[in-house]
Amino acid sequence: MTRRSQDTQFRADGAAFLALSLFCGLAGGFLGAVSQSAGPFHALSHGLLLDLFVLVPAFLGGMGRLVLPGELTTLPSLMLRFDRAAFLFLLTGALCAISGARAPVAFAAAFGLWGCGAILLALSTIVKCLECRVVRFRDLSPFAWSQLLASLGLVVVAPVVMAGLLHDLIAGHSVFFSVQYWLGKLQVPVLALVVQLALGAVANLVSFHSTRLKVMLPLLMAVPGLGVPVVWAHGVTVPGLADDWLLGLGVALPSSSIIGLICVALWRQSFALNAALSWSFPALLLLSAGWVLSFLSTRPEAFHSAMLFGAVFALFGCYYRWQEQFPAMAAPHWLGRVHLVSMGVSVLAIMPLLPVFQLCGEAGMIVSLVCVAVLGARLLLSRTPSMQECPARGDRS
């Protein structure tokens, strides 16, 4: 297989995972809107889709398959098959999560299929980062480190939750309540992995010239990416840290430190405010503000929404940075600005202190979806050159 054909396959795989994430996000949003009148089954479908089938596949399967080939050698064809199998598992699991609103037994199938797809996706990413790298570990990009660490954490989390769910079902527990319980248990490790992936994507937009910062960054990312899943998995069978302590020590502290390192790196260099960096600032703001919103007991969902929207901003920043390498695919500057503003309006609509923006939130989301559709069309219709024809990583900063 030639490098050009492999790059084309990676682009197709990345587009497929991003399309799956978008579909699950829209379906989950719709089910969440009707859950107040339709009942708890629709609410559980909403939770499964948004928590499991959106951001993890988007970062690992979508951006991972678009960005990582630029840092790797030619990959074994078996890893490409792993990616295709993972996509089929995740797609089938998402459809089961949707149908669970009418047939609750499908919730268990959705959970199991997500676990199988996540493990295959994680194993493929681990092999890519370990066996196909062309630089020393110290010189791996923050994005590659975040992908590797999140994949290792996912390999720890997915088998544990699948085994726990299977144990409960064999014991005769209700499918609905078993899936609901384990989905709640997954909130902490999944949030830790998503935050770590988002910060890795943002850090990849910044040039870290200091060797000390290059070494500190992956060490800090390892805490939420690998430390939290290991401690969480141990706590499933043996009483351990409470979720609040695990979030505070395992996610909030290292995440704040990573944000501090990114700010220090930005302070020490001059840069042009391009589209990618424009997305990184609201991402950092939301990922920081989320911890403040967690103290608002009257709106506990604001914390969760702020963190997830921060990860979405980081995801789009990573995508805009990647597509800048290909002039035929790069979106016009005005499209990036419209997209950023519409997403910002949508985020302001969820803030508890700014109810006046709630009327504009739906309009902002619609405009944002139109921009995403344009980006997707350019991704699928544009011809992407081989990665070897693109500028070297050091020449793009």
Protein backbone atom coordinates (compact mmCIF):
# COMPACT_ATOMS: atom_id res chain seq x y z
CA MET A 1 0.00 0.00 0.00
CA THR A 2 1.45 3.37 -1.03
CA ARG A 3 1.65 6.33 1.33
CA ARG A 4 -0.78 8.33 -0.83
CA SER A 5 -3.44 5.62 -0.80
CA GLN A 6 -3.01 5.15 2.94
CA ASP A 7 -3.43 8.88 3.55
CA THR A 8 -6.63 8.78 1.50
CA GLN A 9 -7.92 5.89 3.59
CA PHE A 10 -7.06 7.73 6.79
CA ARG A 11 -8.95 10.78 5.59
CA ALA A 12 -11.98 8.62 4.75
CA ASP A 13 -11.82 6.91 8.15
CA GLY A 14 -11.46 10.22 9.97
CA ALA A 15 -14.41 11.70 8.08
CA ALA A 16 -16.50 8.61 8.93
CA PHE A 17 -15.79 8.90 12.66
CA LEU A 18 -16.51 12.63 12.65
CA ALA A 19 -19.78 12.03 10.79
CA LEU A 20 -20.72 9.37 13.35
CA SER A 21 -20.01 11.77 16.20
CA LEU A 22 -22.11 14.50 14.56
CA PHE A 23 -24.99 12.08 13.97
CA CYS A 24 -24.89 10.89 17.59
CA GLY A 25 -24.71 14.47 18.85
CA LEU A 26 -27.79 15.48 16.86
CA ALA A 27 -29.71 12.34 17.82
CA GLY A 28 -28.75 12.72 21.47
CA GLY A 29 -29.77 16.36 21.48
CA PHE A 30 -33.15 15.52 19.98
CA LEU A 31 -33.77 12.71 22.48
CA GLY A 32 -32.77 15.02 25.31
CA ALA A 33 -35.27 17.64 24.13
CA VAL A 34 -38.16 15.16 24.09
CA SER A 35 -37.12 13.22 27.22
CA GLN A 36 -39.01 15.55 29.59
CA SER A 37 -42.30 14.49 28.06
CA ALA A 38 -41.36 11.06 26.69
CA GLY A 39 -39.95 9.43 29.82
CA PRO A 40 -36.73 8.04 31.30
CA PHE A 41 -35.89 5.69 28.43
CA HIS A 42 -35.36 8.61 26.07
CA ALA A 43 -33.24 10.33 28.72
CA LEU A 44 -30.99 7.27 28.99
CA SER A 45 -30.63 7.16 25.19
CA HIS A 46 -29.67 10.83 25.33
CA GLY A 47 -27.02 10.14 27.99
CA LEU A 48 -25.52 7.13 26.21
CA LEU A 49 -25.19 8.94 22.90
CA LEU A 50 -23.71 12.18 24.22
CA ASP A 51 -21.40 10.68 26.83
CA LEU A 52 -20.03 7.70 24.90
CA PHE A 53 -20.53 8.15 21.16
CA VAL A 54 -19.62 11.78 20.48
CA LEU A 55 -16.34 13.17 21.83
CA VAL A 56 -14.28 10.01 22.35
CA PRO A 57 -14.84 8.75 18.75
CA ALA A 58 -14.42 12.31 17.43
CA PHE A 59 -11.01 12.81 19.06
CA LEU A 60 -9.57 9.30 18.75
CA GLY A 61 -11.26 8.13 15.57
CA GLY A 62 -11.82 11.44 13.79
CA MET A 63 -8.93 13.79 14.50
CA GLY A 64 -6.60 10.92 15.38
CA ARG A 65 -6.94 9.48 11.88
CA LEU A 66 -6.51 12.89 10.27
CA VAL A 67 -3.59 14.29 12.29
CA LEU A 68 -1.50 11.29 13.39
CA PRO A 69 -0.47 10.11 9.88
CA GLY A 70 1.61 13.29 9.52
CA GLU A 71 3.84 12.09 12.38
CA LEU A 72 3.99 8.38 11.55
CA THR A 73 5.48 6.00 9.03
CA THR A 74 3.40 3.65 6.87
CA LEU A 75 1.09 1.58 9.07
CA PRO A 76 0.31 -2.15 8.93
CA SER A 77 -2.89 -2.86 7.02
CA LEU A 78 -4.18 -4.78 10.05
CA MET A 79 -4.49 -1.52 11.98
CA LEU A 80 -6.68 -0.09 9.23
CA ARG A 81 -8.95 -3.11 9.61
CA PHE A 82 -9.09 -2.46 13.35
CA ASP A 83 -10.30 1.07 12.60
CA ARG A 84 -13.02 -0.18 10.24
CA ALA A 85 -14.18 -2.78 12.77
CA ALA A 86 -14.22 -0.16 15.53
CA PHE A 87 -16.37 2.11 13.37
CA LEU A 88 -18.87 -0.67 12.68
CA PHE A 89 -19.10 -1.53 16.39
CA LEU A 90 -19.63 2.12 17.35
CA LEU A 91 -22.18 2.74 14.60
CA THR A 92 -24.17 -0.34 15.57
CA GLY A 93 -23.92 0.61 19.24
CA ALA A 94 -25.23 4.10 18.51
CA LEU A 95 -28.21 2.67 16.63
CA CYS A 96 -28.90 0.34 19.57
CA ALA A 97 -28.73 3.30 21.96
CA ILE A 98 -31.36 5.08 19.87
CA SER A 99 -33.62 2.03 19.62
CA GLY A 100 -33.31 1.51 23.38
CA ALA A 101 -35.88 4.26 23.82
CA ARG A 102 -38.45 1.70 22.62
CA ALA A 103 -36.71 -1.60 23.48
CA PRO A 104 -34.68 -1.17 26.70
CA VAL A 105 -32.77 -4.42 26.15
CA ALA A 106 -30.93 -2.64 23.35
CA PHE A 107 -29.24 -0.43 25.95
CA ALA A 108 -27.11 -3.37 27.10
CA ALA A 109 -26.14 -4.12 23.49
CA ALA A 110 -25.22 -0.46 22.95
CA PHE A 111 -22.95 -0.52 26.01
CA GLY A 112 -21.23 -3.73 24.92
CA LEU A 113 -20.75 -2.58 21.33
CA TRP A 114 -19.33 0.74 22.53
CA GLY A 115 -16.85 -1.13 24.72
CA CYS A 116 -15.71 -3.37 21.84
CA GLY A 117 -15.39 -0.44 19.44
CA ALA A 118 -13.55 1.71 21.99
CA ILE A 119 -11.06 -1.07 22.74
CA LEU A 120 -10.32 -1.69 19.04
CA LEU A 121 -9.95 2.03 18.41
CA ALA A 122 -7.65 2.40 21.42
CA LEU A 123 -5.48 -0.60 20.48
CA SER A 124 -5.07 0.72 16.94
CA THR A 125 -4.02 4.13 18.28
CA ILE A 126 -1.54 2.59 20.73
CA VAL A 127 0.13 0.57 17.98
CA LYS A 128 0.27 3.63 15.74
CA CYS A 129 1.93 5.79 18.41
CA LEU A 130 4.39 3.16 19.66
CA GLU A 131 5.40 1.24 16.55
CA CYS A 132 5.04 3.77 13.74
CA ARG A 133 6.61 6.88 15.28
CA VAL A 134 9.62 8.42 13.55
CA VAL A 135 10.90 10.50 16.50
CA ARG A 136 11.91 9.88 20.10
CA PHE A 137 9.23 9.84 22.77
CA ARG A 138 10.46 13.20 24.02
CA ASP A 139 9.79 14.73 20.62
CA LEU A 140 6.26 13.38 20.18
CA SER A 141 3.73 16.16 19.76
CA PRO A 142 1.27 16.95 22.58
CA PHE A 143 -1.50 15.66 20.34
CA ALA A 144 0.23 12.27 19.89
CA TRP A 145 0.84 12.03 23.65
CA SER A 146 -2.81 12.80 24.41
CA GLN A 147 -3.96 10.16 21.92
CA LEU A 148 -1.61 7.52 23.35
CA LEU A 149 -2.46 8.22 27.00
CA ALA A 150 -6.21 8.42 26.41
CA SER A 151 -6.09 5.12 24.51
CA LEU A 152 -4.24 3.44 27.37
CA GLY A 153 -6.84 4.79 29.80
CA LEU A 154 -9.67 3.59 27.58
CA VAL A 155 -8.21 0.07 27.53
CA VAL A 156 -8.39 0.13 31.33
CA VAL A 157 -11.91 1.56 31.60
CA ALA A 158 -13.88 -0.26 28.87
CA PRO A 159 -13.30 -3.90 30.02
CA VAL A 160 -14.10 -3.01 33.64
CA VAL A 161 -17.42 -1.39 32.85
CA MET A 162 -18.37 -4.17 30.40
CA ALA A 163 -17.58 -6.82 33.02
CA GLY A 164 -19.55 -4.94 35.67
CA LEU A 165 -22.59 -4.59 33.44
CA LEU A 166 -22.44 -8.27 32.44
CA HIS A 167 -22.20 -9.28 36.11
CA ASP A 168 -25.31 -7.27 36.98
CA LEU A 169 -27.29 -8.66 34.05
CA ILE A 170 -26.37 -12.25 34.91
CA ALA A 171 -27.41 -11.55 38.51
CA GLY A 172 -30.88 -10.72 37.20
CA HIS A 173 -30.84 -6.95 37.65
CA SER A 174 -32.96 -4.74 35.41
CA VAL A 175 -31.34 -3.80 32.10
CA PHE A 176 -32.45 -0.19 32.39
CA PHE A 177 -31.19 0.39 35.92
CA SER A 178 -27.94 -1.55 35.33
CA VAL A 179 -27.07 0.52 32.26
CA GLN A 180 -28.08 3.71 34.05
CA TYR A 181 -25.87 2.82 37.03
CA TRP A 182 -22.78 2.03 34.95
CA LEU A 183 -23.26 5.07 32.75
CA GLY A 184 -23.21 7.17 35.90
CA LYS A 185 -20.08 5.36 37.08
CA LEU A 186 -18.39 6.17 33.76
CA GLN A 187 -18.88 9.93 34.09
CA VAL A 188 -15.60 10.56 35.90
CA PRO A 189 -13.15 8.54 33.72
CA VAL A 190 -14.79 9.61 30.46
CA LEU A 191 -14.67 13.27 31.50
CA ALA A 192 -11.00 12.86 32.47
CA LEU A 193 -10.17 11.33 29.07
CA VAL A 194 -12.12 13.96 27.12
CA VAL A 195 -10.51 16.86 29.01
CA GLN A 196 -7.07 15.36 28.47
CA LEU A 197 -7.71 14.89 24.74
CA ALA A 198 -9.00 18.45 24.45
CA LEU A 199 -5.97 19.94 26.20
CA GLY A 200 -3.65 17.85 24.04
CA ALA A 201 -5.35 19.23 20.93
CA VAL A 202 -4.99 22.81 22.20
CA ALA A 203 -1.36 22.29 23.27
CA ASN A 204 -0.60 21.01 19.77
CA LEU A 205 -1.32 24.51 18.46
CA VAL A 206 1.49 25.98 20.59
CA SER A 207 5.24 25.63 20.09
CA PHE A 208 6.98 24.40 23.26
CA HIS A 209 10.63 25.36 22.83
CA SER A 210 11.67 24.53 26.39
CA THR A 211 12.77 20.93 26.99
CA ARG A 212 11.42 21.18 30.53
CA LEU A 213 7.95 22.07 29.27
CA LYS A 214 8.08 19.24 26.71
CA VAL A 215 8.79 16.77 29.51
CA MET A 216 6.30 18.20 32.00
CA LEU A 217 3.37 18.26 29.58
CA PRO A 218 3.02 14.48 29.00
CA LEU A 219 3.62 13.82 32.70
CA LEU A 220 0.70 16.07 33.60
CA MET A 221 -1.49 14.58 30.85
CA ALA A 222 -0.77 11.09 32.21
CA VAL A 223 -2.61 11.90 35.46
CA PRO A 224 -6.13 12.31 33.97
CA GLY A 225 -5.37 10.11 30.95
CA LEU A 226 -4.04 7.05 32.78
CA GLY A 227 -3.96 7.72 36.52
CA VAL A 228 -7.68 8.48 36.89
CA PRO A 229 -8.82 5.37 34.93
CA VAL A 230 -6.55 3.11 37.01
CA VAL A 231 -7.72 4.57 40.34
CA TRP A 232 -11.35 4.49 39.16
CA ALA A 233 -11.08 0.85 38.04
CA HIS A 234 -9.59 -0.09 41.42
CA GLY A 235 -12.41 1.75 43.18
CA VAL A 236 -15.06 -0.25 41.32
CA THR A 237 -14.28 -3.33 43.41
CA VAL A 238 -12.49 -1.80 46.42
CA PRO A 239 -13.77 1.41 48.07
CA GLY A 240 -11.50 4.23 46.98
CA LEU A 241 -11.56 7.96 46.45
CA ALA A 242 -14.93 9.66 46.14
CA ASP A 243 -15.76 11.02 42.69
CA ASP A 244 -15.35 14.62 43.84
CA TRP A 245 -11.83 13.93 45.12
CA LEU A 246 -10.94 12.02 41.98
CA LEU A 247 -12.17 14.89 39.81
CA GLY A 248 -10.36 17.48 41.89
CA LEU A 249 -7.00 15.72 42.31
CA GLY A 250 -6.96 13.72 39.11
CA VAL A 251 -8.52 16.13 36.62
CA ALA A 252 -8.81 19.69 37.94
CA LEU A 253 -5.26 20.10 39.29
CA PRO A 254 -3.34 18.62 36.33
CA SER A 255 -5.69 20.30 33.84
CA SER A 256 -5.10 23.69 35.48
CA SER A 257 -1.36 23.05 35.34
CA ILE A 258 -1.52 22.16 31.64
CA ILE A 259 -3.52 25.31 30.93
CA GLY A 260 -0.85 27.25 32.83
CA LEU A 261 1.93 25.71 30.70
CA ILE A 262 0.03 26.59 27.52
CA CYS A 263 -0.40 30.19 28.69
CA VAL A 264 3.32 30.40 29.56
CA ALA A 265 4.27 29.09 26.11
CA LEU A 266 1.94 31.60 24.43
CA TRP A 267 3.34 34.44 26.54
CA ARG A 268 6.91 33.68 25.47
CA GLN A 269 6.28 33.77 21.74
CA SER A 270 4.73 36.01 19.12
CA PHE A 271 1.99 34.51 17.02
CA ALA A 272 -0.61 35.39 14.43
CA LEU A 273 -4.19 34.88 15.61
CA ASN A 274 -5.31 32.36 13.00
CA ALA A 275 -8.52 30.35 12.96
CA ALA A 276 -7.12 27.48 15.01
CA LEU A 277 -5.85 29.68 17.83
CA SER A 278 -9.12 31.61 17.83
CA TRP A 279 -10.87 28.37 18.76
CA SER A 280 -8.32 27.47 21.43
CA PHE A 281 -8.98 30.53 23.64
CA PRO A 282 -12.69 29.83 24.29
CA ALA A 283 -11.77 26.18 24.75
CA LEU A 284 -9.32 27.06 27.52
CA LEU A 285 -11.82 29.51 29.01
CA LEU A 286 -14.62 26.94 29.16
CA LEU A 287 -12.37 24.17 30.46
CA SER A 288 -11.31 26.54 33.24
CA ALA A 289 -14.75 28.02 33.95
CA GLY A 290 -16.30 24.58 34.19
CA TRP A 291 -14.64 23.99 37.54
CA VAL A 292 -16.08 27.29 38.82
CA LEU A 293 -19.56 26.36 37.61
CA SER A 294 -19.29 23.04 39.48
CA PHE A 295 -19.81 24.99 42.71
CA LEU A 296 -23.23 26.24 41.55
CA SER A 297 -25.50 23.72 43.23
CA THR A 298 -28.58 25.18 41.56
CA ARG A 299 -27.30 24.35 38.06
CA PRO A 300 -25.09 21.21 38.34
CA GLU A 301 -25.52 20.49 34.64
CA ALA A 302 -23.71 23.75 33.77
CA PHE A 303 -20.37 22.20 34.79
CA HIS A 304 -20.88 19.22 32.51
CA SER A 305 -22.02 21.39 29.60
CA ALA A 306 -19.12 23.85 29.96
CA MET A 307 -16.53 21.05 29.96
CA LEU A 308 -18.04 19.32 26.94
CA PHE A 309 -18.40 22.55 24.98
CA GLY A 310 -14.79 23.38 25.83
CA ALA A 311 -13.77 20.03 24.37
CA VAL A 312 -15.84 20.75 21.24
CA PHE A 313 -14.06 24.09 20.76
CA ALA A 314 -10.70 22.30 21.11
CA LEU A 315 -11.83 19.71 18.55
CA PHE A 316 -12.73 22.36 15.98
CA GLY A 317 -9.48 24.22 16.64
CA CYS A 318 -7.58 21.02 15.94
CA TYR A 319 -9.54 20.46 12.75
CA TYR A 320 -9.01 24.00 11.46
CA ARG A 321 -5.27 23.63 12.13
CA TRP A 322 -5.16 20.36 10.22
CA GLN A 323 -7.08 21.59 7.17
CA GLU A 324 -4.86 24.68 6.89
CA GLN A 325 -2.18 22.37 5.50
CA PHE A 326 -4.28 21.73 2.38
CA PRO A 327 -5.16 24.91 0.45
CA ALA A 328 -7.80 23.11 -1.63
CA MET A 329 -9.61 22.05 1.54
CA ALA A 330 -9.00 25.03 3.83
CA ALA A 331 -12.18 26.85 4.77
CA PRO A 332 -12.46 30.59 3.96
CA HIS A 333 -11.61 32.89 6.87
CA TRP A 334 -15.13 34.31 6.96
CA LEU A 335 -16.58 30.81 7.41
CA GLY A 336 -14.31 30.18 10.38
CA ARG A 337 -15.35 33.48 11.98
CA VAL A 338 -19.08 32.83 11.46
CA HIS A 339 -18.67 29.33 12.85
CA LEU A 340 -16.80 30.58 15.92
CA VAL A 341 -19.33 33.34 16.68
CA SER A 342 -22.33 31.03 16.25
CA MET A 343 -20.78 28.45 18.57
CA GLY A 344 -20.04 31.18 21.09
CA VAL A 345 -23.66 32.30 21.07
CA SER A 346 -24.77 28.70 21.59
CA VAL A 347 -22.47 28.34 24.59
CA LEU A 348 -23.63 31.61 26.16
CA ALA A 349 -27.17 30.28 26.00
CA ILE A 350 -26.34 27.54 28.52
CA MET A 351 -24.72 29.86 31.05
CA PRO A 352 -26.90 30.23 34.18
CA LEU A 353 -25.95 33.88 34.65
CA LEU A 354 -26.84 34.92 31.08
CA PRO A 355 -30.47 33.88 30.45
CA VAL A 356 -30.94 36.63 27.86
CA PHE A 357 -28.86 34.61 25.37
CA GLN A 358 -31.08 31.55 25.62
CA LEU A 359 -33.34 32.91 22.89
CA CYS A 360 -30.38 33.11 20.50
CA GLY A 361 -28.90 29.71 21.37
CA GLU A 362 -30.97 27.67 18.92
CA ALA A 363 -30.23 30.06 16.04
CA GLY A 364 -26.52 29.93 16.84
CA MET A 365 -26.57 26.14 16.86
CA ILE A 366 -28.33 26.01 13.49
CA VAL A 367 -25.76 28.35 11.92
CA SER A 368 -22.98 26.26 13.47
CA LEU A 369 -24.41 23.06 11.97
CA VAL A 370 -24.53 24.70 8.53
CA CYS A 371 -20.85 25.62 8.90
CA VAL A 372 -20.04 22.03 9.92
CA ALA A 373 -21.87 20.77 6.83
CA VAL A 374 -19.72 23.05 4.63
CA LEU A 375 -16.55 21.81 6.34
CA GLY A 376 -17.64 18.22 5.81
CA ALA A 377 -18.36 18.81 2.12
CA ARG A 378 -14.91 20.35 1.61
CA LEU A 379 -13.32 17.43 3.44
CA LEU A 380 -15.03 14.81 1.28
CA LEU A 381 -14.82 16.60 -2.09
CA SER A 382 -11.32 18.07 -1.95
CA ARG A 383 -8.31 16.13 -3.09
CA THR A 384 -5.82 15.77 -0.26
CA PRO A 385 -2.13 15.50 -1.19
CA SER A 386 0.09 12.92 0.46
CA MET A 387 1.45 13.88 3.84
CA GLN A 388 4.93 13.71 2.36
CA GLU A 389 4.00 16.62 0.08
CA CYS A 390 2.91 18.78 3.00
CA PRO A 391 5.22 21.06 4.97
CA ALA A 392 7.18 19.44 7.72
CA ARG A 393 5.74 19.78 11.21
CA GLY A 394 8.46 22.15 12.26
CA ASP A 395 7.72 24.43 9.29
CA ARG A 396 4.04 24.93 10.14
CA SER A 397 4.48 26.76 13.42
